[in-house]
Amino acid sequence: MSSRLAATALAIVLLTGLAGCADDEPATPSDPTSATPSATVPSEDPRADLVGSWRADEADWTVHFAADGTFTEDFEGNVDFRRGTYRVEDGIVYLDGDDGETTEGELSGDTINFKLGMLERL
C-alpha cells in the first residue's frame, strides 16, 4: 500500500508541475517581423502645396498661407486685413477667418478660384 501511495503522490506532483508550466508558455509564438502595423502611415497634408503667397491683381488681394495651417490676407492696401486657419478638402480651399466667415475656393494647379477673384501663386 505504501508503494501505491508513493506512486500516487509522485503522479500528483508531476501533473501539478506540468500544469503550472503550461501557463507560462504562450500557445503560439509571435513573430514581430510578420506583425501588421496597427496604424497606417498618414497621407501627405494637402495644405503643404499652398504654403506661400497667392495674389489676385484685379481684386488687389493677396493671401499668405503658412505651413502651420494659418493664413493672413492683404486687401486693397490693408496688410493683415483678415487672419484665420485654412484647410483643403476634395480640391476646395476653405479660409476660416477670425471674423467667423468661411470663404471657399476651388484649387486647380497654381490657381485658386474664389468669388472675390482668382488667386495665382507668386
PDB file of N, CA and C in Angstrom:
ATOM      1  N   MET A   1       0.813  -1.172   0.000  1.00  0.00           N
ATOM      2  CA  MET A   1       0.000   0.000   0.000  1.00  0.00           C
ATOM      3  C   MET A   1       0.862   1.242   0.000  1.00  0.00           C
ATOM      4  N   SER A   2       1.983   1.195   0.586  1.00  0.00           N
ATOM      5  CA  SER A   2       2.847   2.356   0.627  1.00  0.00           C
ATOM      6  C   SER A   2       3.419   2.673  -0.743  1.00  0.00           C
ATOM      7  N   SER A   3       3.626   1.646  -1.582  1.00  0.00           N
ATOM      8  CA  SER A   3       4.133   1.916  -2.916  1.00  0.00           C
ATOM      9  C   SER A   3       3.056   2.581  -3.784  1.00  0.00           C
ATOM     10  N   ARG A   4       1.773   2.204  -3.569  1.00  0.00           N
ATOM     11  CA  ARG A   4       0.689   2.865  -4.294  1.00  0.00           C
ATOM     12  C   ARG A   4       0.570   4.315  -3.877  1.00  0.00           C
ATOM     13  N   LEU A   5       0.675   4.578  -2.611  1.00  0.00           N
ATOM     14  CA  LEU A   5       0.573   5.935  -2.085  1.00  0.00           C
ATOM     15  C   LEU A   5       1.726   6.786  -2.604  1.00  0.00           C
ATOM     16  N   ALA A   6       2.904   6.221  -2.664  1.00  0.00           N
ATOM     17  CA  ALA A   6       4.070   6.943  -3.161  1.00  0.00           C
ATOM     18  C   ALA A   6       3.914   7.220  -4.653  1.00  0.00           C
ATOM     19  N   ALA A   7       3.415   6.262  -5.427  1.00  0.00           N
ATOM     20  CA  ALA A   7       3.215   6.453  -6.863  1.00  0.00           C
ATOM     21  C   ALA A   7       2.147   7.501  -7.125  1.00  0.00           C
ATOM     22  N   THR A   8       1.081   7.503  -6.344  1.00  0.00           N
ATOM     23  CA  THR A   8       0.004   8.484  -6.497  1.00  0.00           C
ATOM     24  C   THR A   8       0.517   9.875  -6.161  1.00  0.00           C
ATOM     25  N   ALA A   9       1.259   9.979  -5.075  1.00  0.00           N
ATOM     26  CA  ALA A   9       1.815  11.274  -4.670  1.00  0.00           C
ATOM     27  C   ALA A   9       2.762  11.794  -5.750  1.00  0.00           C
ATOM     28  N   LEU A  10       3.595  10.935  -6.302  1.00  0.00           N
ATOM     29  CA  LEU A  10       4.512  11.325  -7.357  1.00  0.00           C
ATOM     30  C   LEU A  10       3.758  11.779  -8.605  1.00  0.00           C
ATOM     31  N   ALA A  11       2.686  11.067  -8.954  1.00  0.00           N
ATOM     32  CA  ALA A  11       1.878  11.434 -10.124  1.00  0.00           C
ATOM     33  C   ALA A  11       1.231  12.800  -9.918  1.00  0.00           C
ATOM     34  N   ILE A  12       0.736  13.084  -8.731  1.00  0.00           N
ATOM     35  CA  ILE A  12       0.110  14.384  -8.424  1.00  0.00           C
ATOM     36  C   ILE A  12       1.135  15.509  -8.530  1.00  0.00           C
ATOM     37  N   VAL A  13       2.314  15.266  -7.984  1.00  0.00           N
ATOM     38  CA  VAL A  13       3.371  16.280  -8.041  1.00  0.00           C
ATOM     39  C   VAL A  13       3.761  16.562  -9.497  1.00  0.00           C
ATOM     40  N   LEU A  14       3.939  15.518 -10.286  1.00  0.00           N
ATOM     41  CA  LEU A  14       4.316  15.696 -11.691  1.00  0.00           C
ATOM     42  C   LEU A  14       3.224  16.411 -12.482  1.00  0.00           C
ATOM     43  N   LEU A  15       1.968  16.026 -12.310  1.00  0.00           N
ATOM     44  CA  LEU A  15       0.863  16.661 -13.024  1.00  0.00           C
ATOM     45  C   LEU A  15       0.714  18.123 -12.616  1.00  0.00           C
ATOM     46  N   THR A  16       0.876  18.409 -11.341  1.00  0.00           N
ATOM     47  CA  THR A  16       0.791  19.793 -10.862  1.00  0.00           C
ATOM     48  C   THR A  16       1.909  20.624 -11.469  1.00  0.00           C
ATOM     49  N   GLY A  17       3.094  20.072 -11.515  1.00  0.00           N
ATOM     50  CA  GLY A  17       4.235  20.778 -12.105  1.00  0.00           C
ATOM     51  C   GLY A  17       4.045  21.028 -13.586  1.00  0.00           C
ATOM     52  N   LEU A  18       3.544  20.035 -14.309  1.00  0.00           N
ATOM     53  CA  LEU A  18       3.301  20.186 -15.733  1.00  0.00           C
ATOM     54  C   LEU A  18       2.195  21.205 -16.007  1.00  0.00           C
ATOM     55  N   ALA A  19       1.161  21.198 -15.188  1.00  0.00           N
ATOM     56  CA  ALA A  19       0.065  22.146 -15.367  1.00  0.00           C
ATOM     57  C   ALA A  19       0.566  23.576 -15.154  1.00  0.00           C
ATOM     58  N   GLY A  20       1.435  23.791 -14.211  1.00  0.00           N
ATOM     59  CA  GLY A  20       1.997  25.121 -13.952  1.00  0.00           C
ATOM     60  C   GLY A  20       2.871  25.596 -15.098  1.00  0.00           C
ATOM     61  N   CYS A  21       3.611  24.683 -15.724  1.00  0.00           N
ATOM     62  CA  CYS A  21       4.465  25.052 -16.854  1.00  0.00           C
ATOM     63  C   CYS A  21       3.652  25.424 -18.075  1.00  0.00           C
ATOM     64  N   ALA A  22       2.513  24.807 -18.254  1.00  0.00           N
ATOM     65  CA  ALA A  22       1.685  25.075 -19.423  1.00  0.00           C
ATOM     66  C   ALA A  22       1.204  26.530 -19.419  1.00  0.00           C
ATOM     67  N   ASP A  23       0.971  27.121 -18.279  1.00  0.00           N
ATOM     68  CA  ASP A  23       0.511  28.504 -18.192  1.00  0.00           C
ATOM     69  C   ASP A  23       1.615  29.499 -18.501  1.00  0.00           C
ATOM     70  N   ASP A  24       2.873  29.103 -18.322  1.00  0.00           N
ATOM     71  CA  ASP A  24       3.991  30.005 -18.548  1.00  0.00           C
ATOM     72  C   ASP A  24       4.321  30.177 -20.026  1.00  0.00           C
ATOM     73  N   GLU A  25       4.006  29.209 -20.863  1.00  0.00           N
ATOM     74  CA  GLU A  25       4.362  29.241 -22.269  1.00  0.00           C
ATOM     75  C   GLU A  25       3.193  29.742 -23.099  1.00  0.00           C
ATOM     76  N   PRO A  26       3.422  30.633 -24.056  1.00  0.00           N
ATOM     77  CA  PRO A  26       2.332  31.057 -24.935  1.00  0.00           C
ATOM     78  C   PRO A  26       1.927  29.914 -25.859  1.00  0.00           C
ATOM     79  N   ALA A  27       0.661  29.899 -26.243  1.00  0.00           N
ATOM     80  CA  ALA A  27       0.149  28.841 -27.099  1.00  0.00           C
ATOM     81  C   ALA A  27       0.817  28.878 -28.464  1.00  0.00           C
ATOM     82  N   THR A  28       1.008  30.085 -29.019  1.00  0.00           N
ATOM     83  CA  THR A  28       1.693  30.202 -30.296  1.00  0.00           C
ATOM     84  C   THR A  28       2.695  31.340 -30.194  1.00  0.00           C
ATOM     85  N   PRO A  29       3.898  31.108 -30.605  1.00  0.00           N
ATOM     86  CA  PRO A  29       4.884  32.178 -30.529  1.00  0.00           C
ATOM     87  C   PRO A  29       4.540  33.275 -31.529  1.00  0.00           C
ATOM     88  N   SER A  30       4.805  34.532 -31.136  1.00  0.00           N
ATOM     89  CA  SER A  30       4.537  35.638 -32.053  1.00  0.00           C
ATOM     90  C   SER A  30       5.810  35.992 -32.791  1.00  0.00           C
ATOM     91  N   ASP A  31       5.657  36.338 -34.045  1.00  0.00           N
ATOM     92  CA  ASP A  31       6.780  36.721 -34.882  1.00  0.00           C
ATOM     93  C   ASP A  31       6.660  38.217 -35.159  1.00  0.00           C
ATOM     94  N   PRO A  32       7.501  39.066 -34.532  1.00  0.00           N
ATOM     95  CA  PRO A  32       7.349  40.500 -34.706  1.00  0.00           C
ATOM     96  C   PRO A  32       7.568  40.971 -36.131  1.00  0.00           C
ATOM     97  N   THR A  33       8.267  40.208 -36.943  1.00  0.00           N
ATOM     98  CA  THR A  33       8.501  40.645 -38.316  1.00  0.00           C
ATOM     99  C   THR A  33       7.273  40.460 -39.195  1.00  0.00           C
ATOM    100  N   SER A  34       6.365  39.567 -38.783  1.00  0.00           N
ATOM    101  CA  SER A  34       5.170  39.352 -39.589  1.00  0.00           C
ATOM    102  C   SER A  34       3.968  40.101 -39.046  1.00  0.00           C
ATOM    103  N   ALA A  35       4.142  40.847 -37.978  1.00  0.00           N
ATOM    104  CA  ALA A  35       3.022  41.581 -37.396  1.00  0.00           C
ATOM    105  C   ALA A  35       2.597  42.716 -38.317  1.00  0.00           C
ATOM    106  N   THR A  36       1.300  42.943 -38.377  1.00  0.00           N
ATOM    107  CA  THR A  36       0.755  44.029 -39.176  1.00  0.00           C
ATOM    108  C   THR A  36       0.702  45.277 -38.317  1.00  0.00           C
ATOM    109  N   PRO A  37       1.163  46.418 -38.816  1.00  0.00           N
ATOM    110  CA  PRO A  37       1.113  47.630 -38.006  1.00  0.00           C
ATOM    111  C   PRO A  37      -0.324  48.009 -37.700  1.00  0.00           C
ATOM    112  N   SER A  38      -0.549  48.543 -36.504  1.00  0.00           N
ATOM    113  CA  SER A  38      -1.902  48.876 -36.090  1.00  0.00           C
ATOM    114  C   SER A  38      -2.375  50.193 -36.698  1.00  0.00           C
ATOM    115  N   ALA A  39      -1.462  51.039 -37.110  1.00  0.00           N
ATOM    116  CA  ALA A  39      -1.846  52.316 -37.700  1.00  0.00           C
ATOM    117  C   ALA A  39      -1.245  52.435 -39.091  1.00  0.00           C
ATOM    118  N   THR A  40      -1.964  53.109 -39.962  1.00  0.00           N
ATOM    119  CA  THR A  40      -1.438  53.322 -41.292  1.00  0.00           C
ATOM    120  C   THR A  40      -0.643  54.610 -41.321  1.00  0.00           C
ATOM    121  N   VAL A  41       0.233  54.716 -42.280  1.00  0.00           N
ATOM    122  CA  VAL A  41       1.033  55.924 -42.419  1.00  0.00           C
ATOM    123  C   VAL A  41       0.122  57.037 -42.916  1.00  0.00           C
ATOM    124  N   PRO A  42       0.104  58.202 -42.234  1.00  0.00           N
ATOM    125  CA  PRO A  42      -0.788  59.259 -42.670  1.00  0.00           C
ATOM    126  C   PRO A  42      -0.399  59.787 -44.040  1.00  0.00           C
ATOM    127  N   SER A  43      -1.412  60.208 -44.798  1.00  0.00           N
ATOM    128  CA  SER A  43      -1.128  60.759 -46.114  1.00  0.00           C
ATOM    129  C   SER A  43      -0.570  62.166 -45.965  1.00  0.00           C
ATOM    130  N   GLU A  44       0.051  62.630 -47.046  1.00  0.00           N
ATOM    131  CA  GLU A  44       0.643  63.961 -47.033  1.00  0.00           C
ATOM    132  C   GLU A  44      -0.450  65.006 -46.812  1.00  0.00           C
ATOM    133  N   ASP A  45      -0.150  66.031 -46.052  1.00  0.00           N
ATOM    134  CA  ASP A  45      -1.089  67.107 -45.759  1.00  0.00           C
ATOM    135  C   ASP A  45      -1.299  67.938 -47.027  1.00  0.00           C
ATOM    136  N   PRO A  46      -2.542  68.012 -47.535  1.00  0.00           N
ATOM    137  CA  PRO A  46      -2.782  68.761 -48.775  1.00  0.00           C
ATOM    138  C   PRO A  46      -2.531  70.262 -48.620  1.00  0.00           C
ATOM    139  N   ARG A  47      -2.470  70.750 -47.396  1.00  0.00           N
ATOM    140  CA  ARG A  47      -2.193  72.175 -47.178  1.00  0.00           C
ATOM    141  C   ARG A  47      -0.765  72.532 -47.564  1.00  0.00           C
ATOM    142  N   ALA A  48       0.142  71.562 -47.536  1.00  0.00           N
ATOM    143  CA  ALA A  48       1.556  71.837 -47.807  1.00  0.00           C
ATOM    144  C   ALA A  48       1.758  72.441 -49.197  1.00  0.00           C
ATOM    145  N   ASP A  49       0.918  72.064 -50.156  1.00  0.00           N
ATOM    146  CA  ASP A  49       1.047  72.597 -51.513  1.00  0.00           C
ATOM    147  C   ASP A  49       0.685  74.078 -51.609  1.00  0.00           C
ATOM    148  N   LEU A  50      -0.006  74.607 -50.617  1.00  0.00           N
ATOM    149  CA  LEU A  50      -0.449  76.007 -50.664  1.00  0.00           C
ATOM    150  C   LEU A  50       0.522  76.980 -50.013  1.00  0.00           C
ATOM    151  N   VAL A  51       1.445  76.482 -49.222  1.00  0.00           N
ATOM    152  CA  VAL A  51       2.328  77.356 -48.440  1.00  0.00           C
ATOM    153  C   VAL A  51       3.014  78.369 -49.355  1.00  0.00           C
ATOM    154  N   GLY A  52       2.893  79.639 -48.964  1.00  0.00           N
ATOM    155  CA  GLY A  52       3.452  80.733 -49.748  1.00  0.00           C
ATOM    156  C   GLY A  52       2.397  81.799 -49.979  1.00  0.00           C
ATOM    157  N   SER A  53       2.682  82.706 -50.885  1.00  0.00           N
ATOM    158  CA  SER A  53       1.767  83.821 -51.165  1.00  0.00           C
ATOM    159  C   SER A  53       1.075  83.618 -52.504  1.00  0.00           C
ATOM    160  N   TRP A  54      -0.199  83.975 -52.545  1.00  0.00           N
ATOM    161  CA  TRP A  54      -1.032  83.871 -53.727  1.00  0.00           C
ATOM    162  C   TRP A  54      -1.709  85.231 -53.918  1.00  0.00           C
ATOM    163  N   ARG A  55      -1.875  85.668 -55.178  1.00  0.00           N
ATOM    164  CA  ARG A  55      -2.394  87.016 -55.418  1.00  0.00           C
ATOM    165  C   ARG A  55      -3.416  87.043 -56.547  1.00  0.00           C
ATOM    166  N   ALA A  56      -4.420  87.919 -56.367  1.00  0.00           N
ATOM    167  CA  ALA A  56      -5.387  88.256 -57.414  1.00  0.00           C
ATOM    168  C   ALA A  56      -5.216  89.746 -57.675  1.00  0.00           C
ATOM    169  N   ASP A  57      -4.526  90.100 -58.771  1.00  0.00           N
ATOM    170  CA  ASP A  57      -4.230  91.504 -59.073  1.00  0.00           C
ATOM    171  C   ASP A  57      -5.495  92.340 -59.245  1.00  0.00           C
ATOM    172  N   GLU A  58      -6.497  91.807 -59.956  1.00  0.00           N
ATOM    173  CA  GLU A  58      -7.717  92.574 -60.216  1.00  0.00           C
ATOM    174  C   GLU A  58      -8.416  92.987 -58.925  1.00  0.00           C
ATOM    175  N   ALA A  59      -8.390  92.132 -57.919  1.00  0.00           N
ATOM    176  CA  ALA A  59      -9.067  92.412 -56.646  1.00  0.00           C
ATOM    177  C   ALA A  59      -8.138  93.073 -55.637  1.00  0.00           C
ATOM    178  N   ASP A  60      -6.859  93.248 -55.996  1.00  0.00           N
ATOM    179  CA  ASP A  60      -5.857  93.766 -55.062  1.00  0.00           C
ATOM    180  C   ASP A  60      -5.919  92.979 -53.749  1.00  0.00           C
ATOM    181  N   TRP A  61      -5.789  91.671 -53.921  1.00  0.00           N
ATOM    182  CA  TRP A  61      -5.978  90.734 -52.811  1.00  0.00           C
ATOM    183  C   TRP A  61      -4.840  89.721 -52.808  1.00  0.00           C
ATOM    184  N   THR A  62      -4.188  89.567 -51.658  1.00  0.00           N
ATOM    185  CA  THR A  62      -3.108  88.588 -51.503  1.00  0.00           C
ATOM    186  C   THR A  62      -3.391  87.741 -50.274  1.00  0.00           C
ATOM    187  N   VAL A  63      -3.197  86.442 -50.408  1.00  0.00           N
ATOM    188  CA  VAL A  63      -3.350  85.521 -49.281  1.00  0.00           C
ATOM    189  C   VAL A  63      -1.999  84.856 -49.048  1.00  0.00           C
ATOM    190  N   HIS A  64      -1.566  84.890 -47.787  1.00  0.00           N
ATOM    191  CA  HIS A  64      -0.303  84.271 -47.373  1.00  0.00           C
ATOM    192  C   HIS A  64      -0.648  83.022 -46.558  1.00  0.00           C
ATOM    193  N   PHE A  65      -0.298  81.839 -47.098  1.00  0.00           N
ATOM    194  CA  PHE A  65      -0.566  80.567 -46.428  1.00  0.00           C
ATOM    195  C   PHE A  65       0.690  80.129 -45.676  1.00  0.00           C
ATOM    196  N   ALA A  66       0.560  79.875 -44.382  1.00  0.00           N
ATOM    197  CA  ALA A  66       1.677  79.405 -43.563  1.00  0.00           C
ATOM    198  C   ALA A  66       1.612  77.887 -43.415  1.00  0.00           C
ATOM    199  N   ALA A  67       2.755  77.271 -43.152  1.00  0.00           N
ATOM    200  CA  ALA A  67       2.839  75.812 -43.027  1.00  0.00           C
ATOM    201  C   ALA A  67       2.055  75.274 -41.834  1.00  0.00           C
ATOM    202  N   ASP A  68       1.788  76.120 -40.833  1.00  0.00           N
ATOM    203  CA  ASP A  68       1.067  75.661 -39.641  1.00  0.00           C
ATOM    204  C   ASP A  68      -0.446  75.664 -39.816  1.00  0.00           C
ATOM    205  N   GLY A  69      -0.932  75.954 -41.046  1.00  0.00           N
ATOM    206  CA  GLY A  69      -2.368  75.920 -41.296  1.00  0.00           C
ATOM    207  C   GLY A  69      -3.071  77.250 -41.059  1.00  0.00           C
ATOM    208  N   THR A  70      -2.303  78.319 -40.904  1.00  0.00           N
ATOM    209  CA  THR A  70      -2.900  79.641 -40.733  1.00  0.00           C
ATOM    210  C   THR A  70      -2.696  80.459 -42.007  1.00  0.00           C
ATOM    211  N   PHE A  71      -3.497  81.528 -42.144  1.00  0.00           N
ATOM    212  CA  PHE A  71      -3.346  82.421 -43.285  1.00  0.00           C
ATOM    213  C   PHE A  71      -3.547  83.862 -42.832  1.00  0.00           C
ATOM    214  N   THR A  72      -3.030  84.782 -43.635  1.00  0.00           N
ATOM    215  CA  THR A  72      -3.323  86.207 -43.490  1.00  0.00           C
ATOM    216  C   THR A  72      -3.669  86.728 -44.875  1.00  0.00           C
ATOM    217  N   GLU A  73      -4.555  87.716 -44.907  1.00  0.00           N
ATOM    218  CA  GLU A  73      -4.966  88.331 -46.165  1.00  0.00           C
ATOM    219  C   GLU A  73      -4.592  89.804 -46.157  1.00  0.00           C
ATOM    220  N   ASP A  74      -4.090  90.263 -47.290  1.00  0.00           N
ATOM    221  CA  ASP A  74      -3.902  91.695 -47.531  1.00  0.00           C
ATOM    222  C   ASP A  74      -4.953  92.064 -48.569  1.00  0.00           C
ATOM    223  N   PHE A  75      -5.704  93.141 -48.308  1.00  0.00           N
ATOM    224  CA  PHE A  75      -6.787  93.502 -49.224  1.00  0.00           C
ATOM    225  C   PHE A  75      -6.825  95.013 -49.421  1.00  0.00           C
ATOM    226  N   GLU A  76      -6.741  95.421 -50.692  1.00  0.00           N
ATOM    227  CA  GLU A  76      -6.793  96.830 -51.087  1.00  0.00           C
ATOM    228  C   GLU A  76      -5.866  97.701 -50.238  1.00  0.00           C
ATOM    229  N   GLY A  77      -4.624  97.247 -50.077  1.00  0.00           N
ATOM    230  CA  GLY A  77      -3.620  98.010 -49.350  1.00  0.00           C
ATOM    231  C   GLY A  77      -3.638  97.815 -47.845  1.00  0.00           C
ATOM    232  N   ASN A  78      -4.617  97.115 -47.315  1.00  0.00           N
ATOM    233  CA  ASN A  78      -4.685  96.841 -45.874  1.00  0.00           C
ATOM    234  C   ASN A  78      -3.951  95.535 -45.574  1.00  0.00           C
ATOM    235  N   VAL A  79      -2.767  95.657 -44.981  1.00  0.00           N
ATOM    236  CA  VAL A  79      -1.950  94.491 -44.636  1.00  0.00           C
ATOM    237  C   VAL A  79      -2.565  93.796 -43.428  1.00  0.00           C
ATOM    238  N   ASP A  80      -2.565  92.468 -43.448  1.00  0.00           N
ATOM    239  CA  ASP A  80      -3.174  91.660 -42.379  1.00  0.00           C
ATOM    240  C   ASP A  80      -4.636  92.039 -42.159  1.00  0.00           C
ATOM    241  N   PHE A  81      -5.349  92.260 -43.252  1.00  0.00           N
ATOM    242  CA  PHE A  81      -6.759  92.633 -43.224  1.00  0.00           C
ATOM    243  C   PHE A  81      -7.599  91.576 -42.505  1.00  0.00           C
ATOM    244  N   ARG A  82      -7.251  90.312 -42.720  1.00  0.00           N
ATOM    245  CA  ARG A  82      -8.002  89.192 -42.133  1.00  0.00           C
ATOM    246  C   ARG A  82      -7.032  88.062 -41.852  1.00  0.00           C
ATOM    247  N   ARG A  83      -7.300  87.327 -40.787  1.00  0.00           N
ATOM    248  CA  ARG A  83      -6.487  86.174 -40.394  1.00  0.00           C
ATOM    249  C   ARG A  83      -7.392  84.987 -40.129  1.00  0.00           C
ATOM    250  N   GLY A  84      -6.787  83.802 -40.050  1.00  0.00           N
ATOM    251  CA  GLY A  84      -7.561  82.612 -39.706  1.00  0.00           C
ATOM    252  C   GLY A  84      -6.793  81.349 -39.998  1.00  0.00           C
ATOM    253  N   THR A  85      -7.539  80.271 -40.155  1.00  0.00           N
ATOM    254  CA  THR A  85      -6.951  78.974 -40.484  1.00  0.00           C
ATOM    255  C   THR A  85      -7.504  78.528 -41.836  1.00  0.00           C
ATOM    256  N   TYR A  86      -6.770  77.654 -42.495  1.00  0.00           N
ATOM    257  CA  TYR A  86      -7.236  77.134 -43.771  1.00  0.00           C
ATOM    258  C   TYR A  86      -7.154  75.620 -43.775  1.00  0.00           C
ATOM    259  N   ARG A  87      -7.970  75.044 -44.653  1.00  0.00           N
ATOM    260  CA  ARG A  87      -7.986  73.594 -44.825  1.00  0.00           C
ATOM    261  C   ARG A  87      -8.302  73.299 -46.278  1.00  0.00           C
ATOM    262  N   VAL A  88      -7.969  72.092 -46.712  1.00  0.00           N
ATOM    263  CA  VAL A  88      -8.237  71.661 -48.080  1.00  0.00           C
ATOM    264  C   VAL A  88      -8.979  70.337 -48.004  1.00  0.00           C
ATOM    265  N   GLU A  89     -10.144  70.286 -48.642  1.00  0.00           N
ATOM    266  CA  GLU A  89     -10.947  69.066 -48.673  1.00  0.00           C
ATOM    267  C   GLU A  89     -11.500  68.875 -50.076  1.00  0.00           C
ATOM    268  N   ASP A  90     -11.172  67.765 -50.692  1.00  0.00           N
ATOM    269  CA  ASP A  90     -11.677  67.417 -52.027  1.00  0.00           C
ATOM    270  C   ASP A  90     -11.474  68.538 -53.042  1.00  0.00           C
ATOM    271  N   GLY A  91     -10.304  69.150 -53.048  1.00  0.00           N
ATOM    272  CA  GLY A  91      -9.980  70.174 -54.030  1.00  0.00           C
ATOM    273  C   GLY A  91     -10.565  71.552 -53.732  1.00  0.00           C
ATOM    274  N   ILE A  92     -11.170  71.714 -52.580  1.00  0.00           N
ATOM    275  CA  ILE A  92     -11.724  73.007 -52.173  1.00  0.00           C
ATOM    276  C   ILE A  92     -10.887  73.552 -51.025  1.00  0.00           C
ATOM    277  N   VAL A  93     -10.484  74.825 -51.143  1.00  0.00           N
ATOM    278  CA  VAL A  93      -9.734  75.504 -50.094  1.00  0.00           C
ATOM    279  C   VAL A  93     -10.732  76.298 -49.261  1.00  0.00           C
ATOM    280  N   TYR A  94     -10.707  76.094 -47.956  1.00  0.00           N
ATOM    281  CA  TYR A  94     -11.585  76.806 -47.036  1.00  0.00           C
ATOM    282  C   TYR A  94     -10.741  77.758 -46.196  1.00  0.00           C
ATOM    283  N   LEU A  95     -11.070  79.038 -46.248  1.00  0.00           N
ATOM    284  CA  LEU A  95     -10.438  80.036 -45.399  1.00  0.00           C
ATOM    285  C   LEU A  95     -11.399  80.327 -44.259  1.00  0.00           C
ATOM    286  N   ASP A  96     -11.099  79.800 -43.076  1.00  0.00           N
ATOM    287  CA  ASP A  96     -11.927  80.011 -41.891  1.00  0.00           C
ATOM    288  C   ASP A  96     -11.376  81.221 -41.149  1.00  0.00           C
ATOM    289  N   GLY A  97     -11.983  82.382 -41.369  1.00  0.00           N
ATOM    290  CA  GLY A  97     -11.464  83.625 -40.830  1.00  0.00           C
ATOM    291  C   GLY A  97     -11.779  83.836 -39.371  1.00  0.00           C
ATOM    292  N   ASP A  98     -10.964  84.675 -38.727  1.00  0.00           N
ATOM    293  CA  ASP A  98     -11.203  85.019 -37.328  1.00  0.00           C
ATOM    294  C   ASP A  98     -12.432  85.917 -37.176  1.00  0.00           C
ATOM    295  N   ASP A  99     -13.018  86.327 -38.306  1.00  0.00           N
ATOM    296  CA  ASP A  99     -14.246  87.126 -38.285  1.00  0.00           C
ATOM    297  C   ASP A  99     -15.496  86.243 -38.297  1.00  0.00           C
ATOM    298  N   GLY A 100     -15.306  84.925 -38.278  1.00  0.00           N
ATOM    299  CA  GLY A 100     -16.423  83.995 -38.271  1.00  0.00           C
ATOM    300  C   GLY A 100     -16.906  83.606 -39.662  1.00  0.00           C
ATOM    301  N   GLU A 101     -16.327  84.177 -40.693  1.00  0.00           N
ATOM    302  CA  GLU A 101     -16.709  83.874 -42.068  1.00  0.00           C
ATOM    303  C   GLU A 101     -15.782  82.830 -42.668  1.00  0.00           C
ATOM    304  N   THR A 102     -16.350  81.970 -43.525  1.00  0.00           N
ATOM    305  CA  THR A 102     -15.570  80.978 -44.258  1.00  0.00           C
ATOM    306  C   THR A 102     -15.707  81.272 -45.743  1.00  0.00           C
ATOM    307  N   THR A 103     -14.565  81.371 -46.418  1.00  0.00           N
ATOM    308  CA  THR A 103     -14.516  81.612 -47.850  1.00  0.00           C
ATOM    309  C   THR A 103     -14.048  80.332 -48.518  1.00  0.00           C
ATOM    310  N   GLU A 104     -14.717  79.955 -49.626  1.00  0.00           N
ATOM    311  CA  GLU A 104     -14.381  78.725 -50.330  1.00  0.00           C
ATOM    312  C   GLU A 104     -13.858  79.033 -51.724  1.00  0.00           C
ATOM    313  N   GLY A 105     -12.805  78.313 -52.117  1.00  0.00           N
ATOM    314  CA  GLY A 105     -12.260  78.458 -53.455  1.00  0.00           C
ATOM    315  C   GLY A 105     -11.831  77.120 -54.016  1.00  0.00           C
ATOM    316  N   GLU A 106     -11.970  76.975 -55.318  1.00  0.00           N
ATOM    317  CA  GLU A 106     -11.604  75.721 -55.978  1.00  0.00           C
ATOM    318  C   GLU A 106     -10.141  75.752 -56.396  1.00  0.00           C
ATOM    319  N   LEU A 107      -9.398  74.756 -55.940  1.00  0.00           N
ATOM    320  CA  LEU A 107      -7.971  74.642 -56.239  1.00  0.00           C
ATOM    321  C   LEU A 107      -7.794  73.948 -57.581  1.00  0.00           C
ATOM    322  N   SER A 108      -6.988  74.582 -58.449  1.00  0.00           N
ATOM    323  CA  SER A 108      -6.709  73.996 -59.758  1.00  0.00           C
ATOM    324  C   SER A 108      -5.275  74.353 -60.139  1.00  0.00           C
ATOM    325  N   GLY A 109      -4.346  73.442 -59.860  1.00  0.00           N
ATOM    326  CA  GLY A 109      -2.935  73.691 -60.162  1.00  0.00           C
ATOM    327  C   GLY A 109      -2.389  74.864 -59.375  1.00  0.00           C
ATOM    328  N   ASP A 110      -1.940  75.908 -60.096  1.00  0.00           N
ATOM    329  CA  ASP A 110      -1.375  77.090 -59.440  1.00  0.00           C
ATOM    330  C   ASP A 110      -2.382  78.228 -59.327  1.00  0.00           C
ATOM    331  N   THR A 111      -3.670  77.902 -59.324  1.00  0.00           N
ATOM    332  CA  THR A 111      -4.700  78.916 -59.116  1.00  0.00           C
ATOM    333  C   THR A 111      -5.730  78.412 -58.114  1.00  0.00           C
ATOM    334  N   ILE A 112      -6.353  79.365 -57.426  1.00  0.00           N
ATOM    335  CA  ILE A 112      -7.484  79.068 -56.553  1.00  0.00           C
ATOM    336  C   ILE A 112      -8.575  80.061 -56.935  1.00  0.00           C
ATOM    337  N   ASN A 113      -9.715  79.553 -57.380  1.00  0.00           N
ATOM    338  CA  ASN A 113     -10.788  80.404 -57.860  1.00  0.00           C
ATOM    339  C   ASN A 113     -11.807  80.664 -56.746  1.00  0.00           C
ATOM    340  N   PHE A 114     -11.805  81.897 -56.230  1.00  0.00           N
ATOM    341  CA  PHE A 114     -12.755  82.359 -55.229  1.00  0.00           C
ATOM    342  C   PHE A 114     -13.746  83.303 -55.908  1.00  0.00           C
ATOM    343  N   LYS A 115     -14.865  83.612 -55.266  1.00  0.00           N
ATOM    344  CA  LYS A 115     -15.814  84.595 -55.795  1.00  0.00           C
ATOM    345  C   LYS A 115     -15.152  85.970 -55.923  1.00  0.00           C
ATOM    346  N   LEU A 116     -14.274  86.311 -54.976  1.00  0.00           N
ATOM    347  CA  LEU A 116     -13.610  87.611 -54.985  1.00  0.00           C
ATOM    348  C   LEU A 116     -12.607  87.740 -56.130  1.00  0.00           C
ATOM    349  N   GLY A 117     -12.024  86.620 -56.529  1.00  0.00           N
ATOM    350  CA  GLY A 117     -11.031  86.655 -57.603  1.00  0.00           C
ATOM    351  C   GLY A 117     -10.260  85.355 -57.669  1.00  0.00           C
ATOM    352  N   MET A 118      -9.469  85.235 -58.722  1.00  0.00           N
ATOM    353  CA  MET A 118      -8.643  84.043 -58.898  1.00  0.00           C
ATOM    354  C   MET A 118      -7.244  84.322 -58.384  1.00  0.00           C
ATOM    355  N   LEU A 119      -6.861  83.612 -57.329  1.00  0.00           N
ATOM    356  CA  LEU A 119      -5.523  83.747 -56.780  1.00  0.00           C
ATOM    357  C   LEU A 119      -4.553  82.937 -57.620  1.00  0.00           C
ATOM    358  N   GLU A 120      -3.388  83.522 -57.878  1.00  0.00           N
ATOM    359  CA  GLU A 120      -2.307  82.833 -58.578  1.00  0.00           C
ATOM    360  C   GLU A 120      -1.078  82.821 -57.666  1.00  0.00           C
ATOM    361  N   ARG A 121      -0.376  81.699 -57.700  1.00  0.00           N
ATOM    362  CA  ARG A 121       0.835  81.564 -56.871  1.00  0.00           C
ATOM    363  C   ARG A 121       1.867  82.589 -57.306  1.00  0.00           C
ATOM    364  N   LEU A 122       2.470  83.249 -56.316  1.00  0.00           N
ATOM    365  CA  LEU A 122       3.542  84.203 -56.599  1.00  0.00           C
ATOM    366  C   LEU A 122       4.877  83.500 -56.666  1.00  0.00           C
TER     367      LEU A 122
END
